[in-house]
Amino acid sequence: MKPKEELAELARRIRVHAVQMANRAGSCHVGSSLSMAEILAVLYGGVMNVDPTHPESPNRDRFVLSKGHACGALYSVLAESGFFPLEWLESFFQNGGRLPGHATAKGIPGIEVSTGSLGHGLPIAVGMALTAKRDQKPYRVYCVLSDGECDEGSNWEAAMFAPHHKLDNLVAVIDYNKIQSLGHVDDVLPLEPFTDKWQAFGWQVVEVDGHSIDELTSTLRALPLAAGKPTCVIAHTVKGKGVDFMEDQLLWHYRTPRGEEYTAALEQLGEVA
């Protein structure tokens, strides 16, 4: 596991890349990418068993970004981890570029499945975890979901299925930043009592500060939290974390940082535009 200071720097770099990519492309779910930086930093900083030099190793842990619109953060951590050159980030969402605007598996090392249609990632992750159990493979499957996509019924079908099959090799991490595309979650379709829902479906649930490297590390390194049960980590986060004028602002679900906003965002992240 990388030291805490290195994980914090990795999270900062993820945010810097995400802002830069959004600016170049003129389109990116930047707020959604910024809220999950620490989650990805901890997972790729040592929790997951992955090797960028052998990205298709049969016993590798699998990662599924169900909130595929936040691929700016995923591409960034993959590049920083050595799965592909950092230069690829410059082609994000560009004609002829290597990195499409939603997480795409084709031709991109480290991405297990193309995502973006919300509610599909967890069911796919469940299938991967079931396969591992039946094939007696040691790998674990991690799936990061958004809170807004928990409005999708397919997630709850998967949530019933996983405990029934005792998939304690499955981990769902929910980026609970409280904002979805068109409003605050509580205004669109409230999820609370969120923990109780997952527990009622048979999951072992823990709530953490999704920006605390210590809490994320201690939780994710202690898996499985209960034998025979899948784990749900509800990570309380802030949309647009790291840039004060983006934080907890619905506007930054879709808005692209330009001009003075772009310069100010990078300065707050400790980078020169």
C-alpha atoms as a PDB file:
ATOM      1  CA  MET A   1       0.000   0.000   0.000  1.00  0.00           C
ATOM      2  CA  LYS A   2       1.356   3.424  -0.895  1.00  0.00           C
ATOM      3  CA  PRO A   3       1.980   5.826   2.008  1.00  0.00           C
ATOM      4  CA  LYS A   4      -0.853   8.218   2.847  1.00  0.00           C
ATOM      5  CA  GLU A   5       1.067  11.185   1.449  1.00  0.00           C
ATOM      6  CA  GLU A   6       1.448   9.448  -1.925  1.00  0.00           C
ATOM      7  CA  LEU A   7      -2.232   8.545  -1.998  1.00  0.00           C
ATOM      8  CA  ALA A   8      -3.163  12.164  -1.302  1.00  0.00           C
ATOM      9  CA  GLU A   9      -0.895  13.284  -4.133  1.00  0.00           C
ATOM     10  CA  LEU A  10      -2.437  10.711  -6.447  1.00  0.00           C
ATOM     11  CA  ALA A  11      -5.913  12.030  -5.612  1.00  0.00           C
ATOM     12  CA  ARG A  12      -4.698  15.567  -6.341  1.00  0.00           C
ATOM     13  CA  ARG A  13      -3.268  14.460  -9.693  1.00  0.00           C
ATOM     14  CA  ILE A  14      -6.545  12.744 -10.584  1.00  0.00           C
ATOM     15  CA  ARG A  15      -8.372  16.018  -9.982  1.00  0.00           C
ATOM     16  CA  VAL A  16      -5.856  18.057 -11.974  1.00  0.00           C
ATOM     17  CA  HIS A  17      -6.098  15.721 -14.956  1.00  0.00           C
ATOM     18  CA  ALA A  18      -9.903  15.691 -14.787  1.00  0.00           C
ATOM     19  CA  VAL A  19     -10.071  19.491 -14.886  1.00  0.00           C
ATOM     20  CA  GLN A  20      -7.536  19.669 -17.717  1.00  0.00           C
ATOM     21  CA  MET A  21      -9.350  17.026 -19.725  1.00  0.00           C
ATOM     22  CA  ALA A  22     -12.683  18.782 -19.281  1.00  0.00           C
ATOM     23  CA  ASN A  23     -11.181  22.058 -20.449  1.00  0.00           C
ATOM     24  CA  ARG A  24      -9.571  20.555 -23.546  1.00  0.00           C
ATOM     25  CA  ALA A  25     -12.607  18.519 -24.521  1.00  0.00           C
ATOM     26  CA  GLY A  26     -15.206  21.181 -23.809  1.00  0.00           C
ATOM     27  CA  SER A  27     -17.228  18.464 -22.165  1.00  0.00           C
ATOM     28  CA  CYS A  28     -16.771  16.278 -19.107  1.00  0.00           C
ATOM     29  CA  HIS A  29     -18.656  15.444 -15.936  1.00  0.00           C
ATOM     30  CA  VAL A  30     -15.979  17.194 -13.928  1.00  0.00           C
ATOM     31  CA  GLY A  31     -17.886  17.467 -10.641  1.00  0.00           C
ATOM     32  CA  SER A  32     -18.594  13.740 -10.724  1.00  0.00           C
ATOM     33  CA  SER A  33     -14.928  12.984 -11.360  1.00  0.00           C
ATOM     34  CA  LEU A  34     -13.638  15.200  -8.552  1.00  0.00           C
ATOM     35  CA  SER A  35     -15.857  13.607  -5.911  1.00  0.00           C
ATOM     36  CA  MET A  36     -14.332  10.134  -6.328  1.00  0.00           C
ATOM     37  CA  ALA A  37     -10.612  10.968  -6.447  1.00  0.00           C
ATOM     38  CA  GLU A  38      -9.711   9.539  -3.036  1.00  0.00           C
ATOM     39  CA  ILE A  39     -11.760   6.398  -3.682  1.00  0.00           C
ATOM     40  CA  LEU A  40      -9.788   5.650  -6.837  1.00  0.00           C
ATOM     41  CA  ALA A  41      -6.473   6.662  -5.275  1.00  0.00           C
ATOM     42  CA  VAL A  42      -6.909   4.182  -2.440  1.00  0.00           C
ATOM     43  CA  LEU A  43      -8.160   1.362  -4.667  1.00  0.00           C
ATOM     44  CA  TYR A  44      -5.354   1.709  -7.212  1.00  0.00           C
ATOM     45  CA  GLY A  45      -2.808   2.734  -4.586  1.00  0.00           C
ATOM     46  CA  GLY A  46      -2.598  -0.742  -3.154  1.00  0.00           C
ATOM     47  CA  VAL A  47      -5.994  -2.149  -2.173  1.00  0.00           C
ATOM     48  CA  MET A  48      -6.646  -3.837  -5.507  1.00  0.00           C
ATOM     49  CA  ASN A  49      -4.515  -6.633  -6.879  1.00  0.00           C
ATOM     50  CA  VAL A  50      -3.762  -5.198 -10.328  1.00  0.00           C
ATOM     51  CA  ASP A  51      -0.584  -5.015 -12.384  1.00  0.00           C
ATOM     52  CA  PRO A  52      -0.306  -2.454 -15.192  1.00  0.00           C
ATOM     53  CA  THR A  53       2.348  -4.584 -16.888  1.00  0.00           C
ATOM     54  CA  HIS A  54      -0.072  -7.524 -17.007  1.00  0.00           C
ATOM     55  CA  PRO A  55      -3.536  -5.891 -17.204  1.00  0.00           C
ATOM     56  CA  GLU A  56      -5.252  -9.134 -18.251  1.00  0.00           C
ATOM     57  CA  SER A  57      -3.794 -11.408 -15.583  1.00  0.00           C
ATOM     58  CA  PRO A  58      -6.488 -14.037 -14.875  1.00  0.00           C
ATOM     59  CA  ASN A  59      -6.296 -13.567 -11.097  1.00  0.00           C
ATOM     60  CA  ARG A  60      -6.404  -9.755 -11.157  1.00  0.00           C
ATOM     61  CA  ASP A  61      -9.040  -7.909  -9.187  1.00  0.00           C
ATOM     62  CA  ARG A  62     -11.736  -6.419 -11.384  1.00  0.00           C
ATOM     63  CA  PHE A  63     -12.889  -2.800 -11.253  1.00  0.00           C
ATOM     64  CA  VAL A  64     -16.168  -1.587 -12.754  1.00  0.00           C
ATOM     65  CA  LEU A  65     -16.994   2.125 -12.925  1.00  0.00           C
ATOM     66  CA  SER A  66     -20.759   1.969 -13.082  1.00  0.00           C
ATOM     67  CA  LYS A  67     -20.935   5.785 -13.132  1.00  0.00           C
ATOM     68  CA  GLY A  68     -19.156   5.691 -16.484  1.00  0.00           C
ATOM     69  CA  HIS A  69     -19.729   9.394 -17.129  1.00  0.00           C
ATOM     70  CA  ALA A  70     -17.000  10.090 -14.538  1.00  0.00           C
ATOM     71  CA  CYS A  71     -14.407   8.334 -16.691  1.00  0.00           C
ATOM     72  CA  GLY A  72     -12.140  11.395 -16.508  1.00  0.00           C
ATOM     73  CA  ALA A  73     -11.130  10.258 -13.037  1.00  0.00           C
ATOM     74  CA  LEU A  74     -10.738   6.617 -14.060  1.00  0.00           C
ATOM     75  CA  TYR A  75      -8.613   7.405 -17.124  1.00  0.00           C
ATOM     76  CA  SER A  76      -6.476   9.636 -14.909  1.00  0.00           C
ATOM     77  CA  VAL A  77      -5.751   7.021 -12.237  1.00  0.00           C
ATOM     78  CA  LEU A  78      -5.046   4.386 -14.887  1.00  0.00           C
ATOM     79  CA  ALA A  79      -2.546   6.673 -16.607  1.00  0.00           C
ATOM     80  CA  GLU A  80      -0.921   7.669 -13.313  1.00  0.00           C
ATOM     81  CA  SER A  81      -0.679   3.967 -12.406  1.00  0.00           C
ATOM     82  CA  GLY A  82       1.079   3.079 -15.656  1.00  0.00           C
ATOM     83  CA  PHE A  83      -1.644   1.265 -17.588  1.00  0.00           C
ATOM     84  CA  PHE A  84      -1.116   3.622 -20.533  1.00  0.00           C
ATOM     85  CA  PRO A  85       0.886   6.795 -21.227  1.00  0.00           C
ATOM     86  CA  LEU A  86      -0.164  10.073 -19.635  1.00  0.00           C
ATOM     87  CA  GLU A  87      -0.143  11.577 -23.133  1.00  0.00           C
ATOM     88  CA  TRP A  88      -3.309   9.651 -23.926  1.00  0.00           C
ATOM     89  CA  LEU A  89      -5.219  11.953 -21.575  1.00  0.00           C
ATOM     90  CA  GLU A  90      -4.644  14.803 -24.017  1.00  0.00           C
ATOM     91  CA  SER A  91      -6.841  13.032 -26.574  1.00  0.00           C
ATOM     92  CA  PHE A  92      -9.830  12.663 -24.237  1.00  0.00           C
ATOM     93  CA  PHE A  93     -13.121  13.088 -26.093  1.00  0.00           C
ATOM     94  CA  GLN A  94     -11.321  14.269 -29.247  1.00  0.00           C
ATOM     95  CA  ASN A  95     -11.990  13.088 -32.785  1.00  0.00           C
ATOM     96  CA  GLY A  96      -9.541  10.287 -33.446  1.00  0.00           C
ATOM     97  CA  GLY A  97      -8.509  10.163 -29.793  1.00  0.00           C
ATOM     98  CA  ARG A  98      -8.053   7.023 -27.737  1.00  0.00           C
ATOM     99  CA  LEU A  99     -10.301   7.947 -24.802  1.00  0.00           C
ATOM    100  CA  PRO A 100     -14.056   8.323 -25.405  1.00  0.00           C
ATOM    101  CA  GLY A 101     -16.361  10.412 -23.236  1.00  0.00           C
ATOM    102  CA  HIS A 102     -17.646   7.425 -21.278  1.00  0.00           C
ATOM    103  CA  ALA A 103     -15.589   4.581 -19.837  1.00  0.00           C
ATOM    104  CA  THR A 104     -14.728   2.297 -22.740  1.00  0.00           C
ATOM    105  CA  ALA A 105     -12.978  -1.062 -22.603  1.00  0.00           C
ATOM    106  CA  LYS A 106     -12.010  -1.389 -26.265  1.00  0.00           C
ATOM    107  CA  GLY A 107      -8.333  -0.604 -26.681  1.00  0.00           C
ATOM    108  CA  ILE A 108      -7.852   0.862 -23.203  1.00  0.00           C
ATOM    109  CA  PRO A 109      -5.768  -1.280 -20.808  1.00  0.00           C
ATOM    110  CA  GLY A 110      -7.200  -1.554 -17.316  1.00  0.00           C
ATOM    111  CA  ILE A 111     -10.855  -1.013 -18.201  1.00  0.00           C
ATOM    112  CA  GLU A 112     -12.867  -4.205 -17.788  1.00  0.00           C
ATOM    113  CA  VAL A 113     -16.185  -3.147 -19.300  1.00  0.00           C
ATOM    114  CA  SER A 114     -17.686  -0.180 -21.147  1.00  0.00           C
ATOM    115  CA  THR A 115     -20.133   1.710 -18.959  1.00  0.00           C
ATOM    116  CA  GLY A 116     -22.246   4.825 -18.934  1.00  0.00           C
ATOM    117  CA  SER A 117     -25.809   3.575 -19.173  1.00  0.00           C
ATOM    118  CA  LEU A 118     -26.598   3.880 -15.487  1.00  0.00           C
ATOM    119  CA  GLY A 119     -27.618   0.874 -13.454  1.00  0.00           C
ATOM    120  CA  HIS A 120     -25.632  -1.637 -15.511  1.00  0.00           C
ATOM    121  CA  GLY A 121     -22.298  -1.703 -13.688  1.00  0.00           C
ATOM    122  CA  LEU A 122     -23.385  -3.470 -10.509  1.00  0.00           C
ATOM    123  CA  PRO A 123     -25.217  -6.280 -12.338  1.00  0.00           C
ATOM    124  CA  ILE A 124     -22.094  -6.849 -14.455  1.00  0.00           C
ATOM    125  CA  ALA A 125     -19.903  -6.826 -11.335  1.00  0.00           C
ATOM    126  CA  VAL A 126     -22.222  -9.377  -9.722  1.00  0.00           C
ATOM    127  CA  GLY A 127     -21.752 -11.650 -12.726  1.00  0.00           C
ATOM    128  CA  MET A 128     -17.979 -11.301 -12.481  1.00  0.00           C
ATOM    129  CA  ALA A 129     -18.032 -12.119  -8.771  1.00  0.00           C
ATOM    130  CA  LEU A 130     -20.269 -15.139  -9.323  1.00  0.00           C
ATOM    131  CA  THR A 131     -17.892 -16.375 -12.021  1.00  0.00           C
ATOM    132  CA  ALA A 132     -14.952 -16.066  -9.636  1.00  0.00           C
ATOM    133  CA  LYS A 133     -16.788 -18.103  -7.017  1.00  0.00           C
ATOM    134  CA  ARG A 134     -17.797 -20.831  -9.439  1.00  0.00           C
ATOM    135  CA  ASP A 135     -14.338 -21.012 -10.996  1.00  0.00           C
ATOM    136  CA  GLN A 136     -12.722 -20.913  -7.536  1.00  0.00           C
ATOM    137  CA  LYS A 137     -10.667 -17.878  -8.464  1.00  0.00           C
ATOM    138  CA  PRO A 138      -9.223 -15.583  -5.771  1.00  0.00           C
ATOM    139  CA  TYR A 139     -10.004 -12.222  -7.322  1.00  0.00           C
ATOM    140  CA  ARG A 140     -12.322  -9.601  -5.879  1.00  0.00           C
ATOM    141  CA  VAL A 141     -14.677  -7.335  -7.848  1.00  0.00           C
ATOM    142  CA  TYR A 142     -15.035  -3.639  -6.990  1.00  0.00           C
ATOM    143  CA  CYS A 143     -17.839  -1.513  -8.410  1.00  0.00           C
ATOM    144  CA  VAL A 144     -18.189   2.254  -7.933  1.00  0.00           C
ATOM    145  CA  LEU A 145     -21.730   3.561  -8.317  1.00  0.00           C
ATOM    146  CA  SER A 146     -23.229   7.022  -8.181  1.00  0.00           C
ATOM    147  CA  ASP A 147     -26.018   7.834  -5.776  1.00  0.00           C
ATOM    148  CA  GLY A 148     -28.267   9.018  -8.609  1.00  0.00           C
ATOM    149  CA  GLU A 149     -28.039   5.718 -10.428  1.00  0.00           C
ATOM    150  CA  CYS A 150     -29.363   3.980  -7.346  1.00  0.00           C
ATOM    151  CA  ASP A 151     -32.743   5.123  -8.704  1.00  0.00           C
ATOM    152  CA  GLU A 152     -32.342   2.309 -11.269  1.00  0.00           C
ATOM    153  CA  GLY A 153     -34.208  -0.925 -10.582  1.00  0.00           C
ATOM    154  CA  SER A 154     -31.490  -3.103 -12.095  1.00  0.00           C
ATOM    155  CA  ASN A 155     -29.218  -2.189  -9.190  1.00  0.00           C
ATOM    156  CA  TRP A 156     -31.723  -3.538  -6.700  1.00  0.00           C
ATOM    157  CA  GLU A 157     -32.149  -6.768  -8.640  1.00  0.00           C
ATOM    158  CA  ALA A 158     -28.382  -7.190  -8.404  1.00  0.00           C
ATOM    159  CA  ALA A 159     -28.514  -6.209  -4.731  1.00  0.00           C
ATOM    160  CA  MET A 160     -30.908  -9.105  -4.061  1.00  0.00           C
ATOM    161  CA  PHE A 161     -28.938 -11.578  -6.149  1.00  0.00           C
ATOM    162  CA  ALA A 162     -25.498 -11.009  -4.624  1.00  0.00           C
ATOM    163  CA  PRO A 163     -26.274 -11.954  -0.978  1.00  0.00           C
ATOM    164  CA  HIS A 164     -28.316 -14.950  -2.111  1.00  0.00           C
ATOM    165  CA  HIS A 165     -25.181 -16.315  -3.778  1.00  0.00           C
ATOM    166  CA  LYS A 166     -22.952 -15.311  -0.837  1.00  0.00           C
ATOM    167  CA  LEU A 167     -20.712 -13.112  -2.978  1.00  0.00           C
ATOM    168  CA  ASP A 168     -18.351 -11.885  -0.292  1.00  0.00           C
ATOM    169  CA  ASN A 169     -15.830 -11.182  -3.077  1.00  0.00           C
ATOM    170  CA  LEU A 170     -18.010  -8.285  -4.274  1.00  0.00           C
ATOM    171  CA  VAL A 171     -17.610  -4.687  -3.082  1.00  0.00           C
ATOM    172  CA  ALA A 172     -19.963  -1.870  -4.043  1.00  0.00           C
ATOM    173  CA  VAL A 173     -18.636   1.616  -3.284  1.00  0.00           C
ATOM    174  CA  ILE A 174     -21.243   4.349  -3.602  1.00  0.00           C
ATOM    175  CA  ASP A 175     -20.003   7.849  -4.365  1.00  0.00           C
ATOM    176  CA  TYR A 176     -22.687   9.533  -2.277  1.00  0.00           C
ATOM    177  CA  ASN A 177     -22.153  13.169  -3.268  1.00  0.00           C
ATOM    178  CA  LYS A 178     -25.884  13.957  -2.879  1.00  0.00           C
ATOM    179  CA  ILE A 179     -26.299  15.504  -6.371  1.00  0.00           C
ATOM    180  CA  GLN A 180     -27.445  13.862  -9.598  1.00  0.00           C
ATOM    181  CA  SER A 181     -27.847  15.277 -13.093  1.00  0.00           C
ATOM    182  CA  LEU A 182     -30.871  17.521 -12.564  1.00  0.00           C
ATOM    183  CA  GLY A 183     -31.006  18.166  -8.848  1.00  0.00           C
ATOM    184  CA  HIS A 184     -30.101  17.159  -5.320  1.00  0.00           C
ATOM    185  CA  VAL A 185     -30.827  13.510  -4.606  1.00  0.00           C
ATOM    186  CA  ASP A 186     -33.153  14.380  -1.736  1.00  0.00           C
ATOM    187  CA  ASP A 187     -35.250  16.505  -4.095  1.00  0.00           C
ATOM    188  CA  VAL A 188     -35.310  14.106  -7.057  1.00  0.00           C
ATOM    189  CA  LEU A 189     -35.797  10.762  -5.296  1.00  0.00           C
ATOM    190  CA  PRO A 190     -34.537  10.399  -1.712  1.00  0.00           C
ATOM    191  CA  LEU A 191     -32.431   7.336  -0.910  1.00  0.00           C
ATOM    192  CA  GLU A 192     -32.542   7.471   2.872  1.00  0.00           C
ATOM    193  CA  PRO A 193     -32.513   5.407   4.960  1.00  0.00           C
ATOM    194  CA  PHE A 194     -29.806   4.276   2.577  1.00  0.00           C
ATOM    195  CA  THR A 195     -27.804   2.014   4.879  1.00  0.00           C
ATOM    196  CA  ASP A 196     -30.960   0.263   6.075  1.00  0.00           C
ATOM    197  CA  LYS A 197     -31.951  -0.532   2.489  1.00  0.00           C
ATOM    198  CA  TRP A 198     -28.682  -2.304   1.700  1.00  0.00           C
ATOM    199  CA  GLN A 199     -28.692  -4.120   5.025  1.00  0.00           C
ATOM    200  CA  ALA A 200     -32.247  -5.298   4.406  1.00  0.00           C
ATOM    201  CA  PHE A 201     -31.083  -6.827   1.121  1.00  0.00           C
ATOM    202  CA  GLY A 202     -28.408  -8.797   2.998  1.00  0.00           C
ATOM    203  CA  TRP A 203     -25.273  -6.712   2.510  1.00  0.00           C
ATOM    204  CA  GLN A 204     -22.665  -5.809   5.098  1.00  0.00           C
ATOM    205  CA  VAL A 205     -22.677  -2.010   5.069  1.00  0.00           C
ATOM    206  CA  VAL A 206     -20.272   0.629   6.337  1.00  0.00           C
ATOM    207  CA  GLU A 207     -20.462   4.403   5.967  1.00  0.00           C
ATOM    208  CA  VAL A 208     -17.217   6.352   5.554  1.00  0.00           C
ATOM    209  CA  ASP A 209     -15.956   9.816   4.755  1.00  0.00           C
ATOM    210  CA  GLY A 210     -15.229   9.345   1.059  1.00  0.00           C
ATOM    211  CA  HIS A 211     -12.455  11.935   1.171  1.00  0.00           C
ATOM    212  CA  SER A 212     -10.675  10.369   4.162  1.00  0.00           C
ATOM    213  CA  ILE A 213      -7.775   8.274   2.961  1.00  0.00           C
ATOM    214  CA  ASP A 214      -7.472   6.736   6.428  1.00  0.00           C
ATOM    215  CA  GLU A 215     -11.123   5.644   6.563  1.00  0.00           C
ATOM    216  CA  LEU A 216     -11.159   4.346   3.003  1.00  0.00           C
ATOM    217  CA  THR A 217      -7.899   2.459   3.478  1.00  0.00           C
ATOM    218  CA  SER A 218      -8.845   0.815   6.772  1.00  0.00           C
ATOM    219  CA  THR A 219     -12.256  -0.217   5.432  1.00  0.00           C
ATOM    220  CA  LEU A 220     -11.178  -1.493   2.030  1.00  0.00           C
ATOM    221  CA  ARG A 221      -8.205  -3.415   3.425  1.00  0.00           C
ATOM    222  CA  ALA A 222     -10.443  -5.240   5.912  1.00  0.00           C
ATOM    223  CA  LEU A 223     -12.576  -7.008   3.294  1.00  0.00           C
ATOM    224  CA  PRO A 224     -14.676  -9.017   3.409  1.00  0.00           C
ATOM    225  CA  LEU A 225     -16.387  -7.325   6.309  1.00  0.00           C
ATOM    226  CA  ALA A 226     -18.542 -10.419   6.874  1.00  0.00           C
ATOM    227  CA  ALA A 227     -18.062 -13.933   5.521  1.00  0.00           C
ATOM    228  CA  GLY A 228     -20.699 -14.878   2.971  1.00  0.00           C
ATOM    229  CA  LYS A 229     -21.936 -11.311   2.479  1.00  0.00           C
ATOM    230  CA  PRO A 230     -21.136  -8.728  -0.201  1.00  0.00           C
ATOM    231  CA  THR A 231     -19.879  -5.388   1.108  1.00  0.00           C
ATOM    232  CA  CYS A 232     -21.445  -1.991   0.463  1.00  0.00           C
ATOM    233  CA  VAL A 233     -19.296   1.038   1.288  1.00  0.00           C
ATOM    234  CA  ILE A 234     -21.373   4.218   1.372  1.00  0.00           C
ATOM    235  CA  ALA A 235     -18.776   6.928   0.831  1.00  0.00           C
ATOM    236  CA  HIS A 236     -20.033  10.386   1.773  1.00  0.00           C
ATOM    237  CA  THR A 237     -18.439  12.791  -0.687  1.00  0.00           C
ATOM    238  CA  VAL A 238     -18.782  16.319  -2.060  1.00  0.00           C
ATOM    239  CA  LYS A 239     -19.529  17.019  -5.696  1.00  0.00           C
ATOM    240  CA  GLY A 240     -16.660  18.998  -7.214  1.00  0.00           C
ATOM    241  CA  LYS A 241     -14.400  18.367  -4.207  1.00  0.00           C
ATOM    242  CA  GLY A 242     -11.176  20.374  -4.240  1.00  0.00           C
ATOM    243  CA  VAL A 243     -12.435  23.425  -6.121  1.00  0.00           C
ATOM    244  CA  ASP A 244     -14.489  25.671  -3.855  1.00  0.00           C
ATOM    245  CA  PHE A 245     -16.806  27.143  -6.491  1.00  0.00           C
ATOM    246  CA  MET A 246     -17.618  23.651  -7.806  1.00  0.00           C
ATOM    247  CA  GLU A 247     -18.246  22.028  -4.445  1.00  0.00           C
ATOM    248  CA  ASP A 248     -21.834  20.915  -3.834  1.00  0.00           C
ATOM    249  CA  GLN A 249     -23.000  22.807  -6.914  1.00  0.00           C
ATOM    250  CA  LEU A 250     -25.451  21.212  -9.349  1.00  0.00           C
ATOM    251  CA  LEU A 251     -24.099  23.462 -12.111  1.00  0.00           C
ATOM    252  CA  TRP A 252     -20.879  21.449 -12.220  1.00  0.00           C
ATOM    253  CA  HIS A 253     -22.496  18.170 -13.146  1.00  0.00           C
ATOM    254  CA  TYR A 254     -22.285  19.280 -16.784  1.00  0.00           C
ATOM    255  CA  ARG A 255     -20.454  22.630 -16.876  1.00  0.00           C
ATOM    256  CA  THR A 256     -16.962  22.866 -18.409  1.00  0.00           C
ATOM    257  CA  PRO A 257     -14.313  25.071 -16.728  1.00  0.00           C
ATOM    258  CA  ARG A 258     -13.176  27.821 -19.082  1.00  0.00           C
ATOM    259  CA  GLY A 259     -11.042  30.963 -18.866  1.00  0.00           C
ATOM    260  CA  GLU A 260     -10.719  32.340 -15.358  1.00  0.00           C
ATOM    261  CA  GLU A 261     -12.688  29.396 -13.923  1.00  0.00           C
ATOM    262  CA  TYR A 262     -10.163  26.978 -15.402  1.00  0.00           C
ATOM    263  CA  THR A 263      -7.188  28.949 -14.093  1.00  0.00           C
ATOM    264  CA  ALA A 264      -8.729  29.277 -10.644  1.00  0.00           C
ATOM    265  CA  ALA A 265      -9.589  25.577 -10.492  1.00  0.00           C
ATOM    266  CA  LEU A 266      -6.032  24.520 -11.269  1.00  0.00           C
ATOM    267  CA  GLU A 267      -4.589  27.022  -8.811  1.00  0.00           C
ATOM    268  CA  GLN A 268      -6.784  25.605  -6.038  1.00  0.00           C
ATOM    269  CA  LEU A 269      -5.502  22.147  -6.951  1.00  0.00           C
ATOM    270  CA  GLY A 270      -1.911  23.316  -6.706  1.00  0.00           C
ATOM    271  CA  GLU A 271      -1.252  23.392 -10.440  1.00  0.00           C
ATOM    272  CA  VAL A 272      -0.346  26.187 -12.856  1.00  0.00           C
ATOM    273  CA  ALA A 273      -2.651  26.596 -15.857  1.00  0.00           C
END
